Amino acid sequence: MFAVACGSAAPAVSVGDASLSREEADEFVREQLQTPEGAEQVDDDAPIDAATYADGLTTYVLEQLVNQELEDRGITVTAEDLDNARAVSASPQAPPPTDAEVDRLARVLRLAYSLADQDPPTEESVRAAYEEAPVVQACSAHILLETQEAADDVVAELEGGADFATLAMERSTGPSGPNGGDLGCGDPGGFVEPFATTVREAEVGEVTGPVETEFGFHVILVSERTAVPYEDIASQALGQAINEDIGTVLGPAYTSWLSEDETAITIDPRFGTWNREEARVVPPDGADPAGTDADPDAGADGGLDGGVGVDATPPTAG
């Protein structure tokens, strides 16, 4: 672990008028290693490798640059900005972000919108966009055939009054055949194209097809289709709208600002150097990537042990 030299006057990191002593930097980096539930990923006395420490300092530098720019612009983060950050960072595959992560992302987003000279999406604008192209839930079934001719024969039999489920059990080569071709209900986006588009647009209750995909020829029956109410998907729709902004205008505006910002940034060379082009703290030369239990007071070449990563850069996209 980086040793803390009590009484040392030189800060570990300084960004404009803001700075952290070596002891404060050590505490800050360890705070970044906490899980959303607050349980630390490393013990207080466990060593931290050089790359992880540099990532933690990068988080501090970017945080201070954003805060100082917001202050210069007279911008205050609002409750709506926090809601925007939560919407962007929400993911069913990941634990919820910490309050600190939400606050950090809210500040980055608010600044990025200002840099791009654009207002964040409103509830009204998101609702209007959603209503033009709502998410649908469709209940569907299919009969999968190997050839166009076989599929045409099935369509003819269905038009003649044959039962769809019975033909699926008798003819379908797909795994849903024994269940009468039933595919259940859900978002058609989970299907391969052009099957998905057909399920999304076909007349309910009418046999459609054959539709060819990489799996063969499908005869499709959509039994029900409903639009998901906006209220059930409002946060997801908001997150999607902001992510679209990030990809088109916010990301480029934020990156351009970082590359042009001239704020004085100083890093104790034992912890790394600030790379303005890459907008990150680069670990000192010679630091052992595998992590060597070494004391930084011995010089910049000392590697460190630990190997726990830090999400150092502000989140951009969900």
Protein backbone atom coordinates (compact mmCIF):
# COMPACT_ATOMS: atom_id res chain seq x y z
CA MET A 1 0.00 0.00 0.00
CA PHE A 2 1.09 3.57 -0.51
CA ALA A 3 2.57 4.60 2.82
CA VAL A 4 1.28 7.83 4.35
CA ALA A 5 3.93 10.30 5.37
CA CYS A 6 2.53 12.34 8.23
CA GLY A 7 3.44 15.98 8.11
CA SER A 8 4.30 15.96 4.41
CA ALA A 9 3.54 19.38 2.94
CA ALA A 10 3.31 18.37 -0.70
CA PRO A 11 -0.21 17.20 -1.70
CA ALA A 12 -0.74 13.88 -3.39
CA VAL A 13 -2.97 15.57 -5.97
CA SER A 14 -4.04 19.12 -6.67
CA VAL A 15 -6.62 20.42 -9.13
CA GLY A 16 -6.70 24.19 -9.29
CA ASP A 17 -7.21 25.35 -5.71
CA ALA A 18 -8.42 21.93 -4.50
CA SER A 19 -6.02 19.30 -3.20
CA LEU A 20 -5.68 16.14 -1.14
CA SER A 21 -2.86 15.32 1.23
CA ARG A 22 -1.40 11.85 0.97
CA GLU A 23 -3.53 10.70 3.90
CA GLU A 24 -6.67 12.24 2.36
CA ALA A 25 -5.88 10.69 -1.02
CA ASP A 26 -5.49 7.27 0.57
CA GLU A 27 -8.90 7.66 2.24
CA PHE A 28 -10.51 8.91 -0.97
CA VAL A 29 -9.20 5.99 -3.04
CA ARG A 30 -10.45 3.48 -0.47
CA GLU A 31 -13.89 5.09 -0.52
CA GLN A 32 -14.04 4.36 -4.25
CA LEU A 33 -13.49 0.68 -3.48
CA GLN A 34 -16.66 0.36 -1.44
CA THR A 35 -19.57 -1.66 -2.78
CA PRO A 36 -23.05 -0.08 -3.09
CA GLU A 37 -23.95 -1.76 0.21
CA GLY A 38 -21.05 0.02 1.88
CA ALA A 39 -18.89 -3.05 2.55
CA GLU A 40 -15.29 -2.33 1.65
CA GLN A 41 -13.73 -4.47 -1.04
CA VAL A 42 -10.32 -4.20 0.61
CA ASP A 43 -9.33 -4.02 4.26
CA ASP A 44 -8.01 -0.78 5.70
CA ASP A 45 -4.54 -2.25 5.97
CA ALA A 46 -4.57 -4.13 2.65
CA PRO A 47 -2.22 -2.83 -0.06
CA ILE A 48 -3.59 -1.20 -3.22
CA ASP A 49 -1.82 -1.61 -6.54
CA ALA A 50 -0.46 1.37 -8.45
CA ALA A 51 -2.98 1.20 -11.29
CA THR A 52 -5.93 1.14 -8.89
CA TYR A 53 -4.51 4.05 -6.90
CA ALA A 54 -4.03 6.03 -10.12
CA ASP A 55 -7.62 5.27 -11.10
CA GLY A 56 -8.81 6.58 -7.76
CA LEU A 57 -6.85 9.81 -8.23
CA THR A 58 -8.31 10.10 -11.74
CA THR A 59 -11.78 10.01 -10.20
CA TYR A 60 -10.82 12.85 -7.88
CA VAL A 61 -9.30 14.96 -10.66
CA LEU A 62 -12.33 14.59 -12.94
CA GLU A 63 -14.70 15.21 -10.05
CA GLN A 64 -12.92 18.47 -9.18
CA LEU A 65 -12.73 19.64 -12.80
CA VAL A 66 -16.48 19.10 -13.20
CA ASN A 67 -17.33 20.75 -9.87
CA GLN A 68 -15.18 23.77 -10.59
CA GLU A 69 -16.64 24.20 -14.08
CA LEU A 70 -20.19 23.93 -12.72
CA GLU A 71 -19.40 26.57 -10.14
CA ASP A 72 -17.87 28.86 -12.79
CA ARG A 73 -21.04 28.47 -14.86
CA GLY A 74 -23.31 29.06 -11.88
CA ILE A 75 -24.98 25.65 -12.30
CA THR A 76 -26.58 23.81 -9.37
CA VAL A 77 -27.46 20.14 -9.60
CA THR A 78 -31.18 19.60 -9.04
CA ALA A 79 -33.37 16.68 -8.00
CA GLU A 80 -34.23 16.22 -11.68
CA ASP A 81 -30.53 15.87 -12.50
CA LEU A 82 -30.23 13.13 -9.89
CA ASP A 83 -33.25 11.36 -11.39
CA ASN A 84 -31.59 11.56 -14.81
CA ALA A 85 -28.42 9.98 -13.42
CA ARG A 86 -30.37 7.16 -11.79
CA ALA A 87 -32.22 6.48 -15.04
CA VAL A 88 -28.98 6.27 -17.01
CA SER A 89 -27.16 4.08 -14.52
CA ALA A 90 -30.04 1.66 -13.84
CA SER A 91 -29.28 -1.88 -14.98
CA PRO A 92 -30.94 -5.18 -14.10
CA GLN A 93 -27.57 -6.90 -14.46
CA ALA A 94 -25.78 -4.71 -11.90
CA PRO A 95 -26.34 -3.58 -8.32
CA PRO A 96 -27.79 -0.09 -7.89
CA PRO A 97 -25.20 2.71 -7.87
CA THR A 98 -24.17 4.36 -4.63
CA ASP A 99 -25.45 7.83 -3.78
CA ALA A 100 -21.96 9.17 -4.47
CA GLU A 101 -21.91 7.58 -7.93
CA VAL A 102 -25.35 9.00 -8.72
CA ASP A 103 -24.27 12.46 -7.59
CA ARG A 104 -21.06 12.26 -9.63
CA LEU A 105 -22.90 11.18 -12.77
CA ALA A 106 -25.57 13.84 -12.27
CA ARG A 107 -22.89 16.52 -12.20
CA VAL A 108 -21.17 15.17 -15.31
CA LEU A 109 -24.47 15.00 -17.22
CA ARG A 110 -25.55 18.46 -16.12
CA LEU A 111 -22.23 19.94 -17.21
CA ALA A 112 -22.26 18.02 -20.50
CA TYR A 113 -25.70 19.39 -21.36
CA SER A 114 -24.44 22.89 -20.62
CA LEU A 115 -21.31 22.36 -22.71
CA ALA A 116 -23.49 21.13 -25.59
CA ASP A 117 -25.84 24.11 -25.11
CA GLN A 118 -28.76 21.71 -24.84
CA ASP A 119 -31.43 21.11 -22.21
CA PRO A 120 -31.92 17.66 -20.66
CA PRO A 121 -35.01 15.77 -21.86
CA THR A 122 -38.25 16.56 -20.05
CA GLU A 123 -40.98 14.17 -18.97
CA GLU A 124 -43.17 15.62 -21.69
CA SER A 125 -40.60 15.16 -24.47
CA VAL A 126 -39.76 11.61 -23.39
CA ARG A 127 -43.43 10.66 -23.18
CA ALA A 128 -44.16 12.11 -26.62
CA ALA A 129 -41.24 10.24 -28.18
CA TYR A 130 -42.29 7.01 -26.50
CA GLU A 131 -45.88 7.28 -27.67
CA GLU A 132 -44.63 7.52 -31.26
CA ALA A 133 -42.75 4.22 -30.93
CA PRO A 134 -43.95 2.37 -27.81
CA VAL A 135 -42.53 -0.87 -26.50
CA VAL A 136 -44.96 -3.68 -27.23
CA GLN A 137 -45.64 -7.03 -25.60
CA ALA A 138 -46.81 -9.68 -28.07
CA CYS A 139 -48.07 -13.23 -27.61
CA SER A 140 -47.08 -15.36 -30.59
CA ALA A 141 -46.69 -18.89 -31.94
CA HIS A 142 -44.98 -20.26 -35.02
CA ILE A 143 -44.54 -23.34 -37.14
CA LEU A 144 -40.98 -23.75 -38.36
CA LEU A 145 -40.43 -25.57 -41.67
CA GLU A 146 -37.27 -26.41 -43.57
CA THR A 147 -38.49 -25.33 -47.05
CA GLN A 148 -40.65 -22.66 -48.63
CA GLU A 149 -42.80 -25.36 -50.21
CA ALA A 150 -43.51 -27.04 -46.88
CA ALA A 151 -44.37 -23.68 -45.32
CA ASP A 152 -46.72 -22.81 -48.19
CA ASP A 153 -48.48 -26.14 -47.70
CA VAL A 154 -49.01 -25.37 -44.00
CA VAL A 155 -50.39 -21.92 -44.80
CA ALA A 156 -52.85 -23.50 -47.26
CA GLU A 157 -54.01 -25.99 -44.65
CA LEU A 158 -54.49 -23.25 -42.06
CA GLU A 159 -56.50 -21.19 -44.55
CA GLY A 160 -58.61 -24.30 -45.09
CA GLY A 161 -59.47 -24.45 -41.39
CA ALA A 162 -56.74 -26.59 -39.86
CA ASP A 163 -55.85 -25.98 -36.21
CA PHE A 164 -52.60 -24.01 -35.77
CA ALA A 165 -51.46 -25.76 -32.57
CA THR A 166 -52.15 -29.20 -34.01
CA LEU A 167 -50.15 -28.50 -37.18
CA ALA A 168 -47.31 -27.07 -35.08
CA MET A 169 -47.11 -30.27 -33.05
CA GLU A 170 -47.19 -32.38 -36.22
CA ARG A 171 -44.98 -30.37 -38.60
CA SER A 172 -42.82 -27.81 -36.78
CA THR A 173 -39.10 -28.57 -36.61
CA GLY A 174 -38.57 -26.00 -33.86
CA PRO A 175 -38.33 -26.72 -30.11
CA SER A 176 -41.71 -25.04 -29.51
CA GLY A 177 -43.49 -27.58 -31.75
CA PRO A 178 -44.52 -29.94 -28.94
CA ASN A 179 -46.15 -26.97 -27.21
CA GLY A 180 -48.24 -26.10 -30.26
CA GLY A 181 -45.65 -23.59 -31.44
CA ASP A 182 -46.30 -21.32 -28.46
CA LEU A 183 -43.55 -18.74 -27.94
CA GLY A 184 -45.15 -17.01 -24.99
CA CYS A 185 -45.56 -13.27 -24.52
CA GLY A 186 -42.84 -10.62 -24.44
CA ASP A 187 -40.90 -7.97 -26.30
CA PRO A 188 -40.54 -9.04 -29.97
CA GLY A 189 -37.10 -7.44 -29.92
CA GLY A 190 -35.77 -10.67 -28.48
CA PHE A 191 -36.47 -12.53 -31.73
CA VAL A 192 -34.23 -12.70 -34.78
CA GLU A 193 -35.09 -10.44 -37.72
CA PRO A 194 -37.27 -10.36 -39.76
CA PHE A 195 -39.24 -12.55 -37.35
CA ALA A 196 -39.25 -9.77 -34.74
CA THR A 197 -40.65 -7.16 -37.11
CA THR A 198 -43.34 -9.56 -38.27
CA VAL A 199 -44.47 -10.24 -34.68
CA ARG A 200 -44.45 -6.51 -34.02
CA GLU A 201 -46.52 -5.58 -37.09
CA ALA A 202 -48.65 -8.61 -38.13
CA GLU A 203 -52.42 -8.51 -37.84
CA VAL A 204 -53.49 -10.04 -34.55
CA GLY A 205 -55.29 -13.34 -35.09
CA GLU A 206 -54.21 -13.65 -38.73
CA VAL A 207 -51.73 -16.25 -40.00
CA THR A 208 -48.65 -14.54 -41.46
CA GLY A 209 -45.85 -15.95 -43.55
CA PRO A 210 -43.88 -17.76 -44.55
CA VAL A 211 -41.10 -15.57 -43.13
CA GLU A 212 -37.57 -16.75 -43.80
CA THR A 213 -34.81 -16.47 -41.20
CA GLU A 214 -31.51 -18.26 -40.68
CA PHE A 215 -33.47 -21.06 -38.97
CA GLY A 216 -35.85 -21.79 -41.81
CA PHE A 217 -39.35 -20.73 -42.86
CA HIS A 218 -41.80 -19.56 -40.21
CA VAL A 219 -45.58 -19.48 -40.31
CA ILE A 220 -46.53 -17.03 -37.56
CA LEU A 221 -49.65 -16.33 -35.53
CA VAL A 222 -49.84 -13.33 -33.18
CA SER A 223 -52.69 -13.84 -30.72
CA GLU A 224 -52.30 -10.66 -28.68
CA ARG A 225 -50.29 -7.45 -28.74
CA THR A 226 -50.38 -4.52 -26.35
CA ALA A 227 -48.29 -1.40 -25.85
CA VAL A 228 -46.51 -1.16 -22.50
CA PRO A 229 -47.98 1.84 -20.61
CA TYR A 230 -45.56 4.75 -20.42
CA GLU A 231 -45.84 4.82 -16.64
CA ASP A 232 -44.44 1.28 -16.49
CA ILE A 233 -41.35 2.20 -18.47
CA ALA A 234 -40.87 5.92 -17.79
CA SER A 235 -37.46 5.62 -16.11
CA GLN A 236 -36.15 3.27 -18.80
CA ALA A 237 -37.42 5.59 -21.54
CA LEU A 238 -35.72 8.55 -19.84
CA GLY A 239 -32.46 6.64 -19.57
CA GLN A 240 -32.63 5.68 -23.23
CA ALA A 241 -33.23 9.30 -24.27
CA ILE A 242 -30.24 10.52 -22.28
CA ASN A 243 -28.03 7.70 -23.58
CA GLU A 244 -28.93 8.76 -27.11
CA ASP A 245 -27.87 12.30 -26.21
CA ILE A 246 -24.61 10.97 -24.76
CA GLY A 247 -23.79 9.21 -28.00
CA THR A 248 -24.61 12.14 -30.26
CA VAL A 249 -23.79 15.38 -28.44
CA LEU A 250 -22.90 15.03 -24.77
CA GLY A 251 -19.95 12.68 -25.16
CA PRO A 252 -18.20 14.77 -27.83
CA ALA A 253 -18.85 18.02 -25.93
CA TYR A 254 -17.51 16.62 -22.66
CA THR A 255 -14.44 15.05 -24.29
CA SER A 256 -13.64 18.26 -26.16
CA TRP A 257 -13.93 20.30 -22.97
CA LEU A 258 -11.61 17.94 -21.07
CA SER A 259 -8.96 18.10 -23.79
CA GLU A 260 -9.06 21.92 -23.87
CA ASP A 261 -9.31 22.60 -20.13
CA GLU A 262 -6.22 24.35 -18.78
CA THR A 263 -6.73 23.89 -15.04
CA ALA A 264 -3.42 23.26 -13.27
CA ILE A 265 -3.25 19.60 -12.22
CA THR A 266 -0.37 18.22 -10.17
CA ILE A 267 0.18 14.62 -9.10
CA ASP A 268 2.84 13.43 -6.67
CA PRO A 269 5.17 11.58 -9.09
CA ARG A 270 5.26 8.61 -6.73
CA PHE A 271 1.58 8.07 -7.58
CA GLY A 272 1.74 8.86 -11.29
CA THR A 273 1.36 11.72 -13.74
CA TRP A 274 -1.64 13.46 -15.26
CA ASN A 275 -2.10 12.65 -18.96
CA ARG A 276 -4.21 15.53 -20.27
CA GLU A 277 -4.81 13.91 -23.65
CA GLU A 278 -6.17 10.73 -22.08
CA ALA A 279 -7.72 12.57 -19.12
CA ARG A 280 -6.36 10.14 -16.55
CA VAL A 281 -3.61 9.61 -14.02
CA VAL A 282 -0.98 7.29 -15.47
CA PRO A 283 0.76 5.08 -12.88
CA PRO A 284 4.45 5.71 -12.33
CA ASP A 285 6.91 4.12 -14.73
CA GLY A 286 8.08 0.73 -13.58
CA ALA A 287 5.05 -0.01 -11.42
CA ASP A 288 4.51 -3.75 -11.36
CA PRO A 289 1.11 -4.49 -13.03
CA ALA A 290 0.91 -7.72 -11.05
CA GLY A 291 1.32 -5.80 -7.84
CA THR A 292 4.47 -5.90 -5.74
CA ASP A 293 4.22 -5.07 -2.05
CA ALA A 294 6.50 -2.08 -2.11
CA ASP A 295 6.75 1.22 -0.26
CA PRO A 296 6.38 4.29 -2.52
CA ASP A 297 8.75 6.15 -0.25
CA ALA A 298 11.43 4.01 -1.88
CA GLY A 299 10.77 5.68 -5.22
CA ALA A 300 8.43 5.74 -8.20
CA ASP A 301 9.44 2.29 -9.36
CA GLY A 302 7.73 0.58 -6.44
CA GLY A 303 4.87 -1.66 -7.53
CA LEU A 304 1.90 -2.32 -5.26
CA ASP A 305 -0.24 -5.30 -4.37
CA GLY A 306 -4.03 -5.50 -4.35
CA GLY A 307 -5.52 -5.71 -7.83
CA VAL A 308 -8.90 -4.16 -7.05
CA GLY A 309 -10.25 -1.89 -9.80
CA VAL A 310 -11.88 1.50 -9.43
CA ASP A 311 -14.52 2.96 -11.75
CA ALA A 312 -12.48 6.07 -12.24
CA THR A 313 -14.01 7.79 -15.23
CA PRO A 314 -17.46 9.33 -15.08
CA PRO A 315 -20.08 6.91 -16.47
CA THR A 316 -21.22 7.71 -19.97
CA ALA A 317 -23.49 5.27 -21.04
CA GLY A 318 -25.56 2.61 -19.98
